[in-house]
Amino acid sequence: MKKKGTKLYYRTKMLHFAIYDYTIHFVETDDFTLALQHAKLNAPPRDRSFTQGMTWNSNDRTSSYIFLSPKTPINVLVHECWHAVYRMLDSRGICVDDEVIAYTLDFTVKMATGFYGTHKA
């Protein structure tokens, strides 16, 4: 828990898929609870101190937010990208077959690693 007056580390970038009219927001932060509040996202309160990543999906099915701690391992990054990509495709009624998921996940992970930086497994 942060002390009063402590600054929140929060860095963000958007990836918009025009063809799906869907946006994935990449967020790097040191405090998921405060970052959710900062982004004005409605999320149930719970202890997130043990996790390195999480995905929040909008109720209107137009966006997802991927929250990662600095220097999160690549496997966590891919895990969270999967949640966002699956939600995007499923919300548009797109058959989630091997190739659609593979290419979309590949592109999303490439954009995410460009934002978050190099990660190790």
N, C-alpha and C. Protein backbone atom coordinates (compact mmCIF):
# COMPACT_ATOMS: atom_id res chain seq x y z
N MET A 1 0.84 -1.18 0.00
CA MET A 1 0.00 0.00 0.00
C MET A 1 0.88 1.24 0.00
N LYS A 2 0.53 2.21 -0.80
CA LYS A 2 1.32 3.44 -0.91
C LYS A 2 0.98 4.40 0.21
N LYS A 3 1.98 5.12 0.66
CA LYS A 3 1.76 6.15 1.66
C LYS A 3 1.23 7.40 1.00
N LYS A 4 0.53 8.20 1.76
CA LYS A 4 -0.01 9.45 1.25
C LYS A 4 1.13 10.32 0.72
N GLY A 5 0.92 10.87 -0.46
CA GLY A 5 1.94 11.72 -1.08
C GLY A 5 2.90 10.96 -1.99
N THR A 6 2.79 9.63 -2.03
CA THR A 6 3.64 8.83 -2.90
C THR A 6 3.08 8.89 -4.32
N LYS A 7 3.97 9.05 -5.29
CA LYS A 7 3.53 9.14 -6.68
C LYS A 7 3.28 7.77 -7.27
N LEU A 8 2.31 7.73 -8.15
CA LEU A 8 1.98 6.52 -8.89
C LEU A 8 2.79 6.49 -10.17
N TYR A 9 3.46 5.37 -10.43
CA TYR A 9 4.13 5.19 -11.72
C TYR A 9 3.08 4.65 -12.68
N TYR A 10 2.83 5.38 -13.76
CA TYR A 10 1.76 5.03 -14.70
C TYR A 10 2.17 5.49 -16.08
N ARG A 11 2.35 4.54 -16.98
CA ARG A 11 2.74 4.83 -18.36
C ARG A 11 1.80 4.05 -19.26
N THR A 12 1.31 4.69 -20.34
CA THR A 12 0.29 4.04 -21.15
C THR A 12 0.46 4.31 -22.64
N LYS A 13 -0.09 3.38 -23.44
CA LYS A 13 -0.13 3.51 -24.90
C LYS A 13 -1.36 2.76 -25.39
N MET A 14 -1.98 3.26 -26.46
CA MET A 14 -3.16 2.62 -27.02
C MET A 14 -2.82 1.90 -28.32
N LEU A 15 -3.46 0.77 -28.54
CA LEU A 15 -3.38 0.04 -29.79
C LEU A 15 -4.81 -0.12 -30.29
N HIS A 16 -5.15 0.60 -31.37
CA HIS A 16 -6.52 0.57 -31.88
C HIS A 16 -6.61 -0.33 -33.11
N PHE A 17 -7.54 -1.26 -33.06
CA PHE A 17 -7.83 -2.14 -34.18
C PHE A 17 -9.05 -1.56 -34.89
N ALA A 18 -8.83 -0.75 -35.92
CA ALA A 18 -9.92 -0.06 -36.61
C ALA A 18 -10.93 -1.04 -37.20
N ILE A 19 -10.46 -2.14 -37.74
CA ILE A 19 -11.35 -3.12 -38.36
C ILE A 19 -12.36 -3.69 -37.36
N TYR A 20 -11.98 -3.75 -36.08
CA TYR A 20 -12.87 -4.27 -35.04
C TYR A 20 -13.47 -3.15 -34.19
N ASP A 21 -13.04 -1.91 -34.43
CA ASP A 21 -13.42 -0.77 -33.59
C ASP A 21 -13.21 -1.12 -32.11
N TYR A 22 -11.99 -1.54 -31.81
CA TYR A 22 -11.64 -2.01 -30.47
C TYR A 22 -10.25 -1.48 -30.12
N THR A 23 -10.08 -1.06 -28.89
CA THR A 23 -8.81 -0.51 -28.45
C THR A 23 -8.26 -1.32 -27.28
N ILE A 24 -6.99 -1.67 -27.38
CA ILE A 24 -6.28 -2.29 -26.26
C ILE A 24 -5.32 -1.24 -25.72
N HIS A 25 -5.43 -0.99 -24.42
CA HIS A 25 -4.57 -0.04 -23.74
C HIS A 25 -3.50 -0.81 -22.98
N PHE A 26 -2.24 -0.48 -23.23
CA PHE A 26 -1.14 -1.06 -22.47
C PHE A 26 -0.82 -0.10 -21.34
N VAL A 27 -0.77 -0.60 -20.12
CA VAL A 27 -0.45 0.23 -18.96
C VAL A 27 0.67 -0.44 -18.18
N GLU A 28 1.71 0.32 -17.91
CA GLU A 28 2.78 -0.15 -17.02
C GLU A 28 2.66 0.66 -15.75
N THR A 29 2.60 -0.03 -14.61
CA THR A 29 2.36 0.65 -13.35
C THR A 29 2.98 -0.12 -12.18
N ASP A 30 3.16 0.57 -11.09
CA ASP A 30 3.67 -0.09 -9.89
C ASP A 30 2.56 -0.34 -8.85
N ASP A 31 1.31 0.02 -9.20
CA ASP A 31 0.19 -0.18 -8.28
C ASP A 31 -1.09 -0.35 -9.09
N PHE A 32 -1.57 -1.59 -9.21
CA PHE A 32 -2.75 -1.87 -10.03
C PHE A 32 -4.01 -1.19 -9.51
N THR A 33 -4.20 -1.19 -8.21
CA THR A 33 -5.40 -0.59 -7.63
C THR A 33 -5.46 0.90 -7.92
N LEU A 34 -4.36 1.61 -7.68
CA LEU A 34 -4.33 3.04 -7.97
C LEU A 34 -4.41 3.32 -9.47
N ALA A 35 -3.80 2.46 -10.28
CA ALA A 35 -3.84 2.64 -11.73
C ALA A 35 -5.27 2.48 -12.25
N LEU A 36 -6.01 1.52 -11.73
CA LEU A 36 -7.42 1.36 -12.11
C LEU A 36 -8.22 2.61 -11.76
N GLN A 37 -7.96 3.17 -10.61
CA GLN A 37 -8.63 4.41 -10.20
C GLN A 37 -8.21 5.57 -11.10
N HIS A 38 -6.92 5.67 -11.38
CA HIS A 38 -6.39 6.74 -12.23
C HIS A 38 -7.03 6.70 -13.62
N ALA A 39 -7.22 5.51 -14.15
CA ALA A 39 -7.82 5.35 -15.48
C ALA A 39 -9.35 5.44 -15.42
N LYS A 40 -9.88 5.63 -14.23
CA LYS A 40 -11.34 5.74 -14.02
C LYS A 40 -12.08 4.48 -14.48
N LEU A 41 -11.51 3.33 -14.12
CA LEU A 41 -12.10 2.06 -14.47
C LEU A 41 -12.78 1.46 -13.25
N ASN A 42 -13.96 0.96 -13.44
CA ASN A 42 -14.72 0.36 -12.35
C ASN A 42 -14.32 -1.10 -12.21
N ALA A 43 -13.60 -1.39 -11.16
CA ALA A 43 -13.15 -2.76 -10.90
C ALA A 43 -13.41 -3.09 -9.44
N PRO A 44 -13.84 -4.30 -9.16
CA PRO A 44 -14.10 -4.67 -7.76
C PRO A 44 -12.82 -4.63 -6.94
N PRO A 45 -12.91 -4.15 -5.72
CA PRO A 45 -11.70 -4.11 -4.87
C PRO A 45 -11.23 -5.52 -4.53
N ARG A 46 -9.95 -5.72 -4.63
CA ARG A 46 -9.34 -6.99 -4.22
C ARG A 46 -7.84 -6.78 -4.12
N ASP A 47 -7.19 -7.71 -3.45
CA ASP A 47 -5.74 -7.61 -3.26
C ASP A 47 -5.03 -7.99 -4.55
N ARG A 48 -4.34 -7.02 -5.15
CA ARG A 48 -3.61 -7.26 -6.39
C ARG A 48 -2.09 -7.17 -6.15
N SER A 49 -1.69 -7.17 -4.91
CA SER A 49 -0.27 -6.99 -4.59
C SER A 49 0.57 -8.19 -5.00
N PHE A 50 -0.04 -9.34 -5.20
CA PHE A 50 0.70 -10.56 -5.52
C PHE A 50 0.86 -10.79 -7.02
N THR A 51 0.20 -10.02 -7.84
CA THR A 51 0.19 -10.29 -9.27
C THR A 51 1.13 -9.37 -10.04
N GLN A 52 1.58 -9.84 -11.20
CA GLN A 52 2.45 -9.04 -12.07
C GLN A 52 1.70 -8.49 -13.27
N GLY A 53 0.47 -8.97 -13.48
CA GLY A 53 -0.30 -8.50 -14.61
C GLY A 53 -1.77 -8.77 -14.44
N MET A 54 -2.58 -7.98 -15.14
CA MET A 54 -4.02 -8.20 -15.15
C MET A 54 -4.62 -7.53 -16.38
N THR A 55 -5.77 -8.03 -16.81
CA THR A 55 -6.51 -7.44 -17.93
C THR A 55 -7.89 -7.04 -17.44
N TRP A 56 -8.29 -5.82 -17.79
CA TRP A 56 -9.63 -5.31 -17.49
C TRP A 56 -10.34 -5.10 -18.81
N ASN A 57 -11.56 -5.64 -18.94
CA ASN A 57 -12.35 -5.51 -20.15
C ASN A 57 -13.56 -4.62 -19.90
N SER A 58 -13.84 -3.71 -20.82
CA SER A 58 -14.98 -2.80 -20.66
C SER A 58 -16.30 -3.55 -20.82
N ASN A 59 -17.31 -3.09 -20.11
CA ASN A 59 -18.63 -3.69 -20.22
C ASN A 59 -19.25 -3.46 -21.59
N ASP A 60 -18.90 -2.35 -22.25
CA ASP A 60 -19.48 -2.05 -23.57
C ASP A 60 -18.75 -2.78 -24.70
N ARG A 61 -17.75 -3.59 -24.35
CA ARG A 61 -17.03 -4.45 -25.30
C ARG A 61 -16.32 -3.66 -26.40
N THR A 62 -15.75 -2.51 -26.04
CA THR A 62 -15.01 -1.69 -27.00
C THR A 62 -13.53 -1.56 -26.65
N SER A 63 -13.14 -2.04 -25.46
CA SER A 63 -11.74 -1.87 -25.07
C SER A 63 -11.34 -2.84 -23.97
N SER A 64 -10.03 -3.05 -23.91
CA SER A 64 -9.41 -3.81 -22.83
C SER A 64 -8.20 -3.01 -22.36
N TYR A 65 -7.85 -3.18 -21.11
CA TYR A 65 -6.65 -2.58 -20.53
C TYR A 65 -5.77 -3.70 -20.02
N ILE A 66 -4.52 -3.71 -20.44
CA ILE A 66 -3.55 -4.68 -19.93
C ILE A 66 -2.63 -3.93 -18.98
N PHE A 67 -2.66 -4.31 -17.72
CA PHE A 67 -1.82 -3.71 -16.69
C PHE A 67 -0.67 -4.66 -16.37
N LEU A 68 0.55 -4.17 -16.47
CA LEU A 68 1.73 -4.96 -16.11
C LEU A 68 2.63 -4.15 -15.19
N SER A 69 3.29 -4.86 -14.29
CA SER A 69 4.34 -4.24 -13.46
C SER A 69 5.59 -4.08 -14.31
N PRO A 70 6.44 -3.11 -13.95
CA PRO A 70 7.71 -3.00 -14.68
C PRO A 70 8.49 -4.32 -14.60
N LYS A 71 9.13 -4.67 -15.70
CA LYS A 71 9.97 -5.86 -15.81
C LYS A 71 9.20 -7.17 -15.59
N THR A 72 7.96 -7.19 -16.00
CA THR A 72 7.16 -8.41 -15.92
C THR A 72 7.68 -9.42 -16.94
N PRO A 73 7.75 -10.69 -16.59
CA PRO A 73 8.23 -11.71 -17.54
C PRO A 73 7.34 -11.81 -18.78
N ILE A 74 7.92 -12.22 -19.88
CA ILE A 74 7.22 -12.31 -21.17
C ILE A 74 6.02 -13.24 -21.09
N ASN A 75 6.10 -14.32 -20.32
CA ASN A 75 4.96 -15.23 -20.24
C ASN A 75 3.72 -14.56 -19.65
N VAL A 76 3.90 -13.64 -18.72
CA VAL A 76 2.78 -12.91 -18.15
C VAL A 76 2.22 -11.93 -19.18
N LEU A 77 3.11 -11.26 -19.92
CA LEU A 77 2.70 -10.35 -20.98
C LEU A 77 1.84 -11.08 -22.01
N VAL A 78 2.28 -12.24 -22.48
CA VAL A 78 1.54 -13.02 -23.47
C VAL A 78 0.21 -13.49 -22.89
N HIS A 79 0.21 -13.91 -21.64
CA HIS A 79 -1.01 -14.35 -20.97
C HIS A 79 -2.06 -13.24 -20.98
N GLU A 80 -1.65 -12.03 -20.62
CA GLU A 80 -2.60 -10.91 -20.57
C GLU A 80 -3.03 -10.47 -21.97
N CYS A 81 -2.13 -10.52 -22.94
CA CYS A 81 -2.50 -10.20 -24.33
C CYS A 81 -3.55 -11.19 -24.83
N TRP A 82 -3.42 -12.45 -24.46
CA TRP A 82 -4.40 -13.46 -24.86
C TRP A 82 -5.80 -13.06 -24.38
N HIS A 83 -5.93 -12.65 -23.12
CA HIS A 83 -7.23 -12.25 -22.59
C HIS A 83 -7.84 -11.11 -23.42
N ALA A 84 -7.05 -10.11 -23.73
CA ALA A 84 -7.55 -8.95 -24.47
C ALA A 84 -7.92 -9.32 -25.91
N VAL A 85 -7.07 -10.08 -26.57
CA VAL A 85 -7.33 -10.47 -27.96
C VAL A 85 -8.56 -11.38 -28.03
N TYR A 86 -8.67 -12.33 -27.13
CA TYR A 86 -9.84 -13.20 -27.13
C TYR A 86 -11.11 -12.40 -26.93
N ARG A 87 -11.10 -11.47 -25.97
CA ARG A 87 -12.29 -10.64 -25.72
C ARG A 87 -12.66 -9.82 -26.95
N MET A 88 -11.65 -9.23 -27.60
CA MET A 88 -11.90 -8.41 -28.79
C MET A 88 -12.57 -9.24 -29.88
N LEU A 89 -11.99 -10.38 -30.22
CA LEU A 89 -12.52 -11.20 -31.31
C LEU A 89 -13.88 -11.79 -30.95
N ASP A 90 -14.01 -12.29 -29.74
CA ASP A 90 -15.27 -12.88 -29.30
C ASP A 90 -16.39 -11.83 -29.29
N SER A 91 -16.08 -10.61 -28.87
CA SER A 91 -17.10 -9.56 -28.80
C SER A 91 -17.60 -9.13 -30.17
N ARG A 92 -16.82 -9.43 -31.21
CA ARG A 92 -17.22 -9.08 -32.57
C ARG A 92 -17.81 -10.27 -33.32
N GLY A 93 -17.98 -11.38 -32.60
CA GLY A 93 -18.58 -12.56 -33.20
C GLY A 93 -17.67 -13.26 -34.20
N ILE A 94 -16.37 -13.05 -34.06
CA ILE A 94 -15.41 -13.65 -34.99
C ILE A 94 -15.03 -15.03 -34.48
N CYS A 95 -15.12 -15.99 -35.37
CA CYS A 95 -14.73 -17.36 -35.03
C CYS A 95 -13.26 -17.35 -34.60
N VAL A 96 -13.04 -17.81 -33.41
CA VAL A 96 -11.69 -17.78 -32.86
C VAL A 96 -10.98 -19.08 -33.23
N ASP A 97 -10.58 -19.18 -34.51
CA ASP A 97 -9.86 -20.37 -34.94
C ASP A 97 -8.36 -20.14 -34.74
N ASP A 98 -7.57 -21.15 -35.02
CA ASP A 98 -6.13 -21.09 -34.76
C ASP A 98 -5.44 -19.91 -35.42
N GLU A 99 -5.70 -19.70 -36.70
CA GLU A 99 -4.96 -18.66 -37.43
C GLU A 99 -5.39 -17.24 -37.06
N VAL A 100 -6.68 -17.02 -36.86
CA VAL A 100 -7.14 -15.68 -36.46
C VAL A 100 -6.50 -15.30 -35.14
N ILE A 101 -6.59 -16.19 -34.17
CA ILE A 101 -5.97 -15.92 -32.86
C ILE A 101 -4.46 -15.79 -32.99
N ALA A 102 -3.84 -16.68 -33.72
CA ALA A 102 -2.37 -16.67 -33.82
C ALA A 102 -1.86 -15.36 -34.40
N TYR A 103 -2.42 -14.92 -35.52
CA TYR A 103 -1.94 -13.67 -36.14
C TYR A 103 -2.26 -12.45 -35.29
N THR A 104 -3.46 -12.40 -34.72
CA THR A 104 -3.83 -11.24 -33.91
C THR A 104 -3.03 -11.20 -32.62
N LEU A 105 -2.84 -12.35 -31.99
CA LEU A 105 -2.03 -12.41 -30.77
C LEU A 105 -0.58 -12.06 -31.08
N ASP A 106 -0.05 -12.57 -32.18
CA ASP A 106 1.32 -12.26 -32.59
C ASP A 106 1.52 -10.75 -32.73
N PHE A 107 0.61 -10.09 -33.43
CA PHE A 107 0.71 -8.65 -33.64
C PHE A 107 0.59 -7.89 -32.32
N THR A 108 -0.36 -8.29 -31.48
CA THR A 108 -0.57 -7.62 -30.20
C THR A 108 0.65 -7.76 -29.29
N VAL A 109 1.21 -8.95 -29.22
CA VAL A 109 2.41 -9.18 -28.39
C VAL A 109 3.58 -8.36 -28.93
N LYS A 110 3.71 -8.29 -30.24
CA LYS A 110 4.78 -7.47 -30.84
C LYS A 110 4.63 -6.01 -30.43
N MET A 111 3.43 -5.48 -30.49
CA MET A 111 3.19 -4.09 -30.09
C MET A 111 3.41 -3.91 -28.58
N ALA A 112 2.98 -4.89 -27.81
CA ALA A 112 3.14 -4.82 -26.35
C ALA A 112 4.61 -4.85 -25.95
N THR A 113 5.40 -5.73 -26.54
CA THR A 113 6.82 -5.78 -26.18
C THR A 113 7.53 -4.51 -26.61
N GLY A 114 7.07 -3.90 -27.68
CA GLY A 114 7.64 -2.61 -28.08
C GLY A 114 7.36 -1.53 -27.05
N PHE A 115 6.21 -1.60 -26.41
CA PHE A 115 5.86 -0.62 -25.37
C PHE A 115 6.52 -0.95 -24.04
N TYR A 116 6.35 -2.20 -23.58
CA TYR A 116 6.85 -2.56 -22.26
C TYR A 116 8.36 -2.78 -22.23
N GLY A 117 8.95 -3.05 -23.36
CA GLY A 117 10.38 -3.32 -23.39
C GLY A 117 10.68 -4.80 -23.41
N THR A 118 11.94 -5.13 -23.31
CA THR A 118 12.38 -6.52 -23.35
C THR A 118 12.03 -7.21 -22.04
N HIS A 119 11.47 -8.39 -22.15
CA HIS A 119 11.10 -9.18 -20.99
C HIS A 119 11.73 -10.56 -21.10
N LYS A 120 12.03 -11.13 -19.97
CA LYS A 120 12.60 -12.48 -19.93
C LYS A 120 11.60 -13.43 -19.31
N ALA A 121 11.67 -14.68 -19.73
CA ALA A 121 10.77 -15.71 -19.18
C ALA A 121 11.19 -16.07 -17.78
